C-alpha atoms as a PDB file:
ATOM      1  CA  MET A   1      -0.094   0.028  -0.189  1.00  0.00           C
ATOM      2  CA  ARG A   2       2.687   2.572   0.758  1.00  0.00           C
ATOM      3  CA  LEU A   3       4.350   1.738  -2.678  1.00  0.00           C
ATOM      4  CA  ILE A   4       1.157   2.905  -4.300  1.00  0.00           C
ATOM      5  CA  LYS A   5       0.767   5.877  -2.291  1.00  0.00           C
ATOM      6  CA  SER A   6       4.261   6.810  -2.914  1.00  0.00           C
ATOM      7  CA  ILE A   7       3.872   6.145  -6.997  1.00  0.00           C
ATOM      8  CA  PHE A   8       0.645   8.123  -6.700  1.00  0.00           C
ATOM      9  CA  GLN A   9       2.443  10.993  -4.995  1.00  0.00           C
ATOM     10  CA  LYS A  10       5.109  11.379  -7.292  1.00  0.00           C
ATOM     11  CA  SER A  11       2.824  11.473 -10.023  1.00  0.00           C
ATOM     12  CA  VAL A  12       0.807  14.140  -8.739  1.00  0.00           C
ATOM     13  CA  ALA A  13       3.664  15.882  -8.358  1.00  0.00           C
ATOM     14  CA  THR A  14       4.983  15.394 -11.801  1.00  0.00           C
ATOM     15  CA  LEU A  15       1.462  16.303 -12.991  1.00  0.00           C
ATOM     16  CA  LEU A  16       1.580  19.519 -10.949  1.00  0.00           C
ATOM     17  CA  LEU A  17       5.140  20.533 -12.266  1.00  0.00           C
ATOM     18  CA  GLY A  18       4.189  19.732 -15.654  1.00  0.00           C
ATOM     19  CA  LEU A  19       0.940  21.952 -15.478  1.00  0.00           C
ATOM     20  CA  SER A  20       3.241  24.461 -13.655  1.00  0.00           C
ATOM     21  CA  LEU A  21       5.719  24.586 -16.803  1.00  0.00           C
ATOM     22  CA  LEU A  22       2.547  24.920 -19.314  1.00  0.00           C
ATOM     23  CA  VAL A  23       1.353  27.671 -17.514  1.00  0.00           C
ATOM     24  CA  SER A  24       4.803  29.658 -17.360  1.00  0.00           C
ATOM     25  CA  ALA A  25       5.212  29.084 -20.984  1.00  0.00           C
ATOM     26  CA  GLU A  26       1.859  30.485 -21.637  1.00  0.00           C
ATOM     27  CA  ILE A  27       2.504  33.370 -19.512  1.00  0.00           C
ATOM     28  CA  LYS A  28       5.888  33.945 -21.287  1.00  0.00           C
ATOM     29  CA  GLU A  29       4.615  33.890 -24.590  1.00  0.00           C
ATOM     30  CA  LYS A  30       1.636  36.674 -23.921  1.00  0.00           C
ATOM     31  CA  LYS A  31       4.338  38.505 -22.409  1.00  0.00           C
ATOM     32  CA  ALA A  32       6.434  38.356 -25.877  1.00  0.00           C
ATOM     33  CA  ILE A  33       3.081  39.289 -27.830  1.00  0.00           C
ATOM     34  CA  ALA A  34       2.825  41.924 -25.597  1.00  0.00           C
ATOM     35  CA  GLU A  35       5.802  43.580 -26.128  1.00  0.00           C
ATOM     36  CA  THR A  36       5.431  43.775 -29.908  1.00  0.00           C
ATOM     37  CA  LEU A  37       5.282  47.277 -31.852  1.00  0.00           C
ATOM     38  CA  ARG A  38       2.206  49.104 -31.499  1.00  0.00           C
ATOM     39  CA  THR A  39       1.184  51.350 -34.019  1.00  0.00           C
ATOM     40  CA  GLY A  40      -1.341  54.063 -34.428  1.00  0.00           C
ATOM     41  CA  LEU A  41      -1.662  58.056 -35.419  1.00  0.00           C
ATOM     42  CA  THR A  42      -0.662  60.823 -33.840  1.00  0.00           C
ATOM     43  CA  ASN A  43      -3.880  62.291 -32.775  1.00  0.00           C
ATOM     44  CA  GLU A  44      -3.507  60.063 -29.967  1.00  0.00           C
ATOM     45  CA  LEU A  45      -1.211  62.766 -28.649  1.00  0.00           C
ATOM     46  CA  ALA A  46      -3.808  65.796 -28.663  1.00  0.00           C
ATOM     47  CA  ASN A  47      -2.877  67.543 -25.991  1.00  0.00           C
ATOM     48  CA  ASP A  48       1.044  67.048 -26.620  1.00  0.00           C
ATOM     49  CA  ASN A  49       2.832  70.564 -26.643  1.00  0.00           C
ATOM     50  CA  THR A  50       6.245  68.649 -27.864  1.00  0.00           C
ATOM     51  CA  CYS A  51       6.321  70.179 -31.094  1.00  0.00           C
ATOM     52  CA  ASP A  52       4.760  73.576 -30.422  1.00  0.00           C
ATOM     53  CA  GLY A  53       6.015  76.035 -32.818  1.00  0.00           C
ATOM     54  CA  THR A  54       6.539  73.801 -35.708  1.00  0.00           C
ATOM     55  CA  GLY A  55       4.160  72.027 -38.820  1.00  0.00           C
ATOM     56  CA  GLY A  56       3.113  69.891 -35.512  1.00  0.00           C
ATOM     57  CA  ILE A  57       4.200  66.186 -34.456  1.00  0.00           C
ATOM     58  CA  LEU A  58       5.044  64.163 -37.921  1.00  0.00           C
ATOM     59  CA  ALA A  59       5.611  61.099 -36.444  1.00  0.00           C
ATOM     60  CA  TYR A  60       6.089  59.782 -32.678  1.00  0.00           C
ATOM     61  CA  ALA A  61       8.116  57.066 -31.077  1.00  0.00           C
ATOM     62  CA  GLU A  62       8.838  55.303 -27.661  1.00  0.00           C
ATOM     63  CA  THR A  63      11.497  53.116 -26.475  1.00  0.00           C
ATOM     64  CA  LYS A  64      12.415  51.797 -23.408  1.00  0.00           C
ATOM     65  CA  ASP A  65      14.334  54.930 -22.060  1.00  0.00           C
ATOM     66  CA  TYR A  66      13.213  57.391 -24.732  1.00  0.00           C
ATOM     67  CA  ALA A  67      10.003  59.368 -26.159  1.00  0.00           C
ATOM     68  CA  LEU A  68      10.771  61.011 -29.226  1.00  0.00           C
ATOM     69  CA  TYR A  69       9.338  63.226 -31.831  1.00  0.00           C
ATOM     70  CA  ILE A  70       9.302  64.031 -35.293  1.00  0.00           C
ATOM     71  CA  CYS A  71       7.979  67.416 -35.806  1.00  0.00           C
ATOM     72  CA  ALA A  72       7.030  68.851 -39.257  1.00  0.00           C
ATOM     73  CA  ASP A  73       8.426  71.951 -40.807  1.00  0.00           C
ATOM     74  CA  THR A  74       6.122  75.187 -40.490  1.00  0.00           C
ATOM     75  CA  LYS A  75       6.117  75.453 -44.415  1.00  0.00           C
ATOM     76  CA  ASP A  76       5.281  71.881 -45.511  1.00  0.00           C
ATOM     77  CA  ILE A  77       3.809  69.320 -42.698  1.00  0.00           C
ATOM     78  CA  SER A  78       4.793  66.517 -44.753  1.00  0.00           C
ATOM     79  CA  GLN A  79       8.389  67.420 -44.274  1.00  0.00           C
ATOM     80  CA  PRO A  80      10.741  66.489 -40.939  1.00  0.00           C
ATOM     81  CA  ARG A  81      12.372  69.487 -39.654  1.00  0.00           C
ATOM     82  CA  TYR A  82      12.990  68.747 -35.820  1.00  0.00           C
ATOM     83  CA  TYR A  83      14.131  66.110 -33.656  1.00  0.00           C
ATOM     84  CA  ARG A  84      12.960  66.141 -30.084  1.00  0.00           C
ATOM     85  CA  SER A  85      13.918  63.348 -27.546  1.00  0.00           C
ATOM     86  CA  VAL A  86      12.069  63.437 -24.008  1.00  0.00           C
ATOM     87  CA  ASN A  87      14.165  60.838 -21.625  1.00  0.00           C
ATOM     88  CA  LYS A  88      11.940  58.958 -19.514  1.00  0.00           C
ATOM     89  CA  ASN A  89      14.618  59.121 -16.591  1.00  0.00           C
ATOM     90  CA  GLY A  90      13.796  62.820 -16.575  1.00  0.00           C
ATOM     91  CA  THR A  91      17.359  64.129 -17.843  1.00  0.00           C
ATOM     92  CA  LYS A  92      17.417  66.590 -20.461  1.00  0.00           C
ATOM     93  CA  GLY A  93      16.551  65.517 -24.058  1.00  0.00           C
ATOM     94  CA  VAL A  94      18.286  66.021 -27.333  1.00  0.00           C
ATOM     95  CA  LYS A  95      16.616  68.966 -29.724  1.00  0.00           C
ATOM     96  CA  LEU A  96      17.827  68.942 -33.322  1.00  0.00           C
ATOM     97  CA  THR A  97      16.905  70.981 -36.375  1.00  0.00           C
ATOM     98  CA  ALA A  98      17.538  69.132 -39.669  1.00  0.00           C
ATOM     99  CA  ARG A  99      19.712  70.646 -42.200  1.00  0.00           C
ATOM    100  CA  THR A 100      18.687  68.820 -45.069  1.00  0.00           C
ATOM    101  CA  TYR A 101      16.191  65.879 -45.551  1.00  0.00           C
ATOM    102  CA  ASN A 102      16.043  63.208 -48.100  1.00  0.00           C
ATOM    103  CA  PRO A 103      12.641  62.343 -48.852  1.00  0.00           C
ATOM    104  CA  ASN A 104      13.537  59.346 -50.781  1.00  0.00           C
ATOM    105  CA  GLN A 105      14.965  57.750 -47.824  1.00  0.00           C
ATOM    106  CA  GLY A 106      11.382  56.698 -46.884  1.00  0.00           C
ATOM    107  CA  ASN A 107      11.768  54.151 -44.480  1.00  0.00           C
ATOM    108  CA  TYR A 108      13.798  56.137 -41.518  1.00  0.00           C
ATOM    109  CA  PHE A 109      14.091  59.622 -40.319  1.00  0.00           C
ATOM    110  CA  GLU A 110      18.232  60.893 -39.875  1.00  0.00           C
ATOM    111  CA  PHE A 111      19.199  63.607 -38.078  1.00  0.00           C
ATOM    112  CA  HIS A 112      22.668  64.967 -37.315  1.00  0.00           C
ATOM    113  CA  ASN A 113      24.191  66.829 -33.963  1.00  0.00           C
ATOM    114  CA  GLY A 114      27.960  67.321 -35.057  1.00  0.00           C
ATOM    115  CA  ASP A 115      29.275  63.550 -35.462  1.00  0.00           C
ATOM    116  CA  TYR A 116      26.529  62.321 -33.796  1.00  0.00           C
ATOM    117  CA  VAL A 117      23.482  60.536 -36.083  1.00  0.00           C
ATOM    118  CA  TYR A 118      20.506  59.724 -34.778  1.00  0.00           C
ATOM    119  CA  MET A 119      18.154  57.296 -37.137  1.00  0.00           C
ATOM    120  CA  LEU A 120      14.668  56.522 -36.295  1.00  0.00           C
ATOM    121  CA  GLN A 121      13.467  53.616 -38.492  1.00  0.00           C
ATOM    122  CA  ILE A 122       9.569  53.841 -39.615  1.00  0.00           C
ATOM    123  CA  PRO A 123       7.663  50.636 -39.488  1.00  0.00           C
ATOM    124  CA  SER A 124       6.859  49.023 -42.572  1.00  0.00           C
ATOM    125  CA  GLU A 125       6.296  45.679 -44.531  1.00  0.00           C
ATOM    126  CA  ASN A 126      10.279  45.206 -44.591  1.00  0.00           C
ATOM    127  CA  ILE A 127      11.016  46.814 -41.197  1.00  0.00           C
ATOM    128  CA  LYS A 128       8.974  44.899 -38.818  1.00  0.00           C
ATOM    129  CA  ASN A 129      11.287  45.624 -35.721  1.00  0.00           C
ATOM    130  CA  PRO A 130      12.060  49.185 -35.968  1.00  0.00           C
ATOM    131  CA  VAL A 131      14.856  50.780 -33.588  1.00  0.00           C
ATOM    132  CA  LEU A 132      16.165  53.930 -32.661  1.00  0.00           C
ATOM    133  CA  ALA A 133      20.050  54.114 -33.666  1.00  0.00           C
ATOM    134  CA  VAL A 134      22.429  56.361 -32.548  1.00  0.00           C
ATOM    135  CA  GLU A 135      25.994  56.257 -33.711  1.00  0.00           C
ATOM    136  CA  PHE A 136      28.677  58.110 -32.109  1.00  0.00           C
ATOM    137  CA  PRO A 137      31.805  59.903 -33.566  1.00  0.00           C
ATOM    138  CA  ASP A 138      34.005  57.259 -32.829  1.00  0.00           C
ATOM    139  CA  GLY A 139      31.792  54.823 -34.963  1.00  0.00           C
ATOM    140  CA  SER A 140      30.339  52.968 -32.001  1.00  0.00           C
ATOM    141  CA  GLY A 141      26.612  53.294 -31.184  1.00  0.00           C
ATOM    142  CA  TYR A 142      23.666  51.537 -29.594  1.00  0.00           C
ATOM    143  CA  GLU A 143      20.443  50.738 -30.497  1.00  0.00           C
ATOM    144  CA  GLN A 144      16.881  50.454 -28.692  1.00  0.00           C
ATOM    145  CA  LYS A 145      13.677  48.629 -29.971  1.00  0.00           C
ATOM    146  CA  ILE A 146      10.755  51.076 -30.743  1.00  0.00           C
ATOM    147  CA  THR A 147       7.517  49.753 -28.661  1.00  0.00           C
ATOM    148  CA  ARG A 148       5.312  52.493 -29.978  1.00  0.00           C
ATOM    149  CA  PHE A 149       5.124  54.142 -33.266  1.00  0.00           C
ATOM    150  CA  LEU A 150       2.752  56.742 -34.237  1.00  0.00           C
ATOM    151  CA  MET A 151       2.120  58.701 -37.582  1.00  0.00           C
ATOM    152  CA  ASN A 152       0.294  61.908 -38.776  1.00  0.00           C
ATOM    153  CA  VAL A 153      -2.012  60.571 -41.415  1.00  0.00           C
ATOM    154  CA  GLU A 154      -2.440  63.985 -42.775  1.00  0.00           C
ATOM    155  CA  ALA A 155       1.258  64.367 -43.489  1.00  0.00           C
ATOM    156  CA  ARG A 156       2.218  61.110 -45.183  1.00  0.00           C
ATOM    157  CA  ALA A 157       0.777  57.819 -46.165  1.00  0.00           C
ATOM    158  CA  PRO A 158      -0.151  56.218 -42.869  1.00  0.00           C
ATOM    159  CA  ILE A 159       1.393  53.079 -41.566  1.00  0.00           C
ATOM    160  CA  SER A 160      -0.385  49.716 -40.997  1.00  0.00           C
ATOM    161  CA  THR A 161      -2.265  49.751 -37.922  1.00  0.00           C
ATOM    162  CA  LYS A 162      -2.851  46.343 -37.307  1.00  0.00           C
END
């Protein structure tokens, strides 16, 4: 009888361990889905004044450390003119003005600050996991995954909001 009880207890323990692993895997899968890119339109930022004095918010992106704004030119709201970053840790962000812009780039915004280059990829069919990339003067740099991207529907063809 003790042998049967022991086998039963081990079977129950194994079953519970298996269920625990299954639930854990499902939670991790849902978390991975939750971390995917969220897209939408800049009208979600209706009361945001970060781009005041410009042509308005052309694009907005978030990474784990930054809120990034691409502000439009006052004369042509389809053209990016200003880059604004807001650091989520409360330190001062970066404000840049584009000297030149090539609208044929199409899949990213690029701004220069001396020898530093800031590139913000635009989500598309070809760029499923866009990033903010910063290149330092020595050629090194870093990237951060964009978790949220909003585009102004009036200024450019809208991105897919699926």
